[in-house]
C-alpha atoms as a PDB file:
ATOM      1  CA  UNK A   1      -0.110  -2.249   8.764  1.00  0.00           C
ATOM      2  CA  UNK A   2      -0.194  -3.159  12.425  1.00  0.00           C
ATOM      3  CA  UNK A   3      -3.679  -1.711  12.840  1.00  0.00           C
ATOM      4  CA  UNK A   4      -4.924  -3.647   9.822  1.00  0.00           C
ATOM      5  CA  UNK A   5      -3.471  -6.980  10.909  1.00  0.00           C
ATOM      6  CA  UNK A   6      -3.923  -6.791  14.685  1.00  0.00           C
ATOM      7  CA  UNK A   7      -7.124  -8.349  16.087  1.00  0.00           C
ATOM      8  CA  UNK A   8      -6.813  -5.967  19.075  1.00  0.00           C
ATOM      9  CA  UNK A   9      -6.735  -2.828  16.944  1.00  0.00           C
ATOM     10  CA  UNK A  10      -9.332  -0.178  17.709  1.00  0.00           C
ATOM     11  CA  UNK A  11      -9.356   0.472  13.957  1.00  0.00           C
ATOM     12  CA  UNK A  12     -10.036  -3.189  13.106  1.00  0.00           C
ATOM     13  CA  UNK A  13     -13.832  -2.820  12.661  1.00  0.00           C
ATOM     14  CA  UNK A  14     -13.362   0.097  10.280  1.00  0.00           C
ATOM     15  CA  UNK A  15     -10.503  -1.446   8.314  1.00  0.00           C
ATOM     16  CA  UNK A  16     -12.280  -4.793   8.045  1.00  0.00           C
ATOM     17  CA  UNK A  17     -14.925  -3.104   5.882  1.00  0.00           C
ATOM     18  CA  UNK A  18     -12.385  -3.441   3.077  1.00  0.00           C
ATOM     19  CA  UNK A  19     -11.408  -7.086   2.901  1.00  0.00           C
ATOM     20  CA  UNK A  20      -9.360  -6.473  -0.237  1.00  0.00           C
ATOM     21  CA  UNK A  21      -7.735  -3.075  -0.674  1.00  0.00           C
ATOM     22  CA  UNK A  22      -6.741  -3.978  -4.222  1.00  0.00           C
ATOM     23  CA  UNK A  23     -10.448  -3.988  -5.073  1.00  0.00           C
ATOM     24  CA  UNK A  24     -10.179  -0.205  -5.032  1.00  0.00           C
ATOM     25  CA  UNK A  25     -10.055   0.837  -8.658  1.00  0.00           C
ATOM     26  CA  UNK A  26      -6.897   2.839  -8.107  1.00  0.00           C
ATOM     27  CA  UNK A  27      -4.421   3.323 -10.987  1.00  0.00           C
ATOM     28  CA  UNK A  28      -1.707   2.077  -8.634  1.00  0.00           C
ATOM     29  CA  UNK A  29      -3.165  -1.425  -9.068  1.00  0.00           C
ATOM     30  CA  UNK A  30      -3.499  -1.234 -12.841  1.00  0.00           C
ATOM     31  CA  UNK A  31      -0.811  -2.610 -15.099  1.00  0.00           C
ATOM     32  CA  UNK A  32       1.667  -0.063 -16.424  1.00  0.00           C
ATOM     33  CA  UNK A  33       0.252  -0.654 -19.906  1.00  0.00           C
ATOM     34  CA  UNK A  34      -3.295   0.144 -18.732  1.00  0.00           C
ATOM     35  CA  UNK A  35      -2.156   3.307 -16.946  1.00  0.00           C
ATOM     36  CA  UNK A  36      -0.157   4.504 -19.938  1.00  0.00           C
ATOM     37  CA  UNK A  37      -2.916   3.735 -22.436  1.00  0.00           C
ATOM     38  CA  UNK A  38      -5.983   4.881 -20.495  1.00  0.00           C
ATOM     39  CA  UNK A  39      -4.476   7.930 -18.821  1.00  0.00           C
ATOM     40  CA  UNK A  40      -2.201   9.147 -21.612  1.00  0.00           C
ATOM     41  CA  UNK A  41      -1.627  12.887 -21.544  1.00  0.00           C
ATOM     42  CA  UNK A  42      -2.954  13.379 -18.010  1.00  0.00           C
ATOM     43  CA  UNK A  43       0.326  13.149 -16.112  1.00  0.00           C
ATOM     44  CA  UNK A  44      -1.213  10.488 -13.882  1.00  0.00           C
ATOM     45  CA  UNK A  45       0.864   7.543 -15.185  1.00  0.00           C
ATOM     46  CA  UNK A  46       4.061   9.404 -14.341  1.00  0.00           C
ATOM     47  CA  UNK A  47       2.730  10.370 -10.902  1.00  0.00           C
ATOM     48  CA  UNK A  48       1.751   6.763 -10.161  1.00  0.00           C
ATOM     49  CA  UNK A  49       5.165   5.505 -11.300  1.00  0.00           C
ATOM     50  CA  UNK A  50       6.796   8.015  -8.948  1.00  0.00           C
ATOM     51  CA  UNK A  51       4.485   6.993  -6.090  1.00  0.00           C
ATOM     52  CA  UNK A  52       5.234   3.291  -6.637  1.00  0.00           C
ATOM     53  CA  UNK A  53       8.976   3.958  -6.670  1.00  0.00           C
ATOM     54  CA  UNK A  54       8.729   6.032  -3.484  1.00  0.00           C
ATOM     55  CA  UNK A  55       6.579   3.415  -1.738  1.00  0.00           C
ATOM     56  CA  UNK A  56       9.062   0.670  -2.580  1.00  0.00           C
ATOM     57  CA  UNK A  57      12.001   2.774  -1.387  1.00  0.00           C
ATOM     58  CA  UNK A  58      10.221   3.779   1.818  1.00  0.00           C
ATOM     59  CA  UNK A  59       9.341   0.160   2.571  1.00  0.00           C
ATOM     60  CA  UNK A  60      12.898  -1.039   1.905  1.00  0.00           C
ATOM     61  CA  UNK A  61      14.687   1.816   3.703  1.00  0.00           C
ATOM     62  CA  UNK A  62      12.336   2.533   6.623  1.00  0.00           C
ATOM     63  CA  UNK A  63       9.540   0.014   7.122  1.00  0.00           C
ATOM     64  CA  UNK A  64      11.435  -3.247   6.653  1.00  0.00           C
ATOM     65  CA  UNK A  65      14.302  -2.280   8.995  1.00  0.00           C
ATOM     66  CA  UNK A  66      11.722  -1.253  11.616  1.00  0.00           C
ATOM     67  CA  UNK A  67       9.863  -4.555  11.185  1.00  0.00           C
ATOM     68  CA  UNK A  68      13.128  -6.449  11.562  1.00  0.00           C
ATOM     69  CA  UNK A  69      13.948  -4.619  14.805  1.00  0.00           C
ATOM     70  CA  UNK A  70      10.540  -5.445  16.323  1.00  0.00           C
ATOM     71  CA  UNK A  71       9.751  -9.092  15.561  1.00  0.00           C
ATOM     72  CA  UNK A  72       7.406  -9.203  18.557  1.00  0.00           C
ATOM     73  CA  UNK A  73       5.008  -6.865  16.719  1.00  0.00           C
ATOM     74  CA  UNK A  74       5.784  -7.402  13.059  1.00  0.00           C
ATOM     75  CA  UNK A  75       6.042 -10.404  10.777  1.00  0.00           C
ATOM     76  CA  UNK A  76       7.922  -9.809   7.506  1.00  0.00           C
ATOM     77  CA  UNK A  77       5.951 -12.660   5.940  1.00  0.00           C
ATOM     78  CA  UNK A  78       2.684 -10.887   6.736  1.00  0.00           C
ATOM     79  CA  UNK A  79       3.678  -7.213   6.677  1.00  0.00           C
ATOM     80  CA  UNK A  80       4.873  -7.263   3.082  1.00  0.00           C
ATOM     81  CA  UNK A  81       5.544  -4.645   0.458  1.00  0.00           C
ATOM     82  CA  UNK A  82       2.268  -5.646  -1.213  1.00  0.00           C
ATOM     83  CA  UNK A  83       0.293  -5.029   1.978  1.00  0.00           C
ATOM     84  CA  UNK A  84       2.121  -1.747   2.544  1.00  0.00           C
ATOM     85  CA  UNK A  85       1.426  -0.620  -1.038  1.00  0.00           C
ATOM     86  CA  UNK A  86      -2.262  -1.503  -0.679  1.00  0.00           C
ATOM     87  CA  UNK A  87      -2.643   0.424   2.564  1.00  0.00           C
ATOM     88  CA  UNK A  88      -0.765   3.444   1.211  1.00  0.00           C
ATOM     89  CA  UNK A  89      -3.033   3.453  -1.851  1.00  0.00           C
ATOM     90  CA  UNK A  90      -6.074   3.244   0.424  1.00  0.00           C
ATOM     91  CA  UNK A  91      -4.911   6.259   2.423  1.00  0.00           C
ATOM     92  CA  UNK A  92      -4.012   8.171  -0.751  1.00  0.00           C
ATOM     93  CA  UNK A  93      -7.479   7.522  -2.184  1.00  0.00           C
ATOM     94  CA  UNK A  94      -9.062   9.313   0.766  1.00  0.00           C
ATOM     95  CA  UNK A  95      -6.761  12.255   1.284  1.00  0.00           C
END
């Protein structure tokens, strides 16, 4: 998240190629109804639900406390769960 939001980041030129990570057509950004209907029987809806639960837990238990401890680098208003989820989905799409 820091690399994506920091103007000084060496990764900034690369990450700025994607102005909106939610534009990725990733099932993580679909509604639960869409996932369940369009991917029925594939196991993907269940995997996405698990991923979303894990991402939320990781953000709450690890990321947010770290952000809170380092207000000089992190802004909880900017470095949100939504941004975290989008960046995790981006990384997952390319692994």
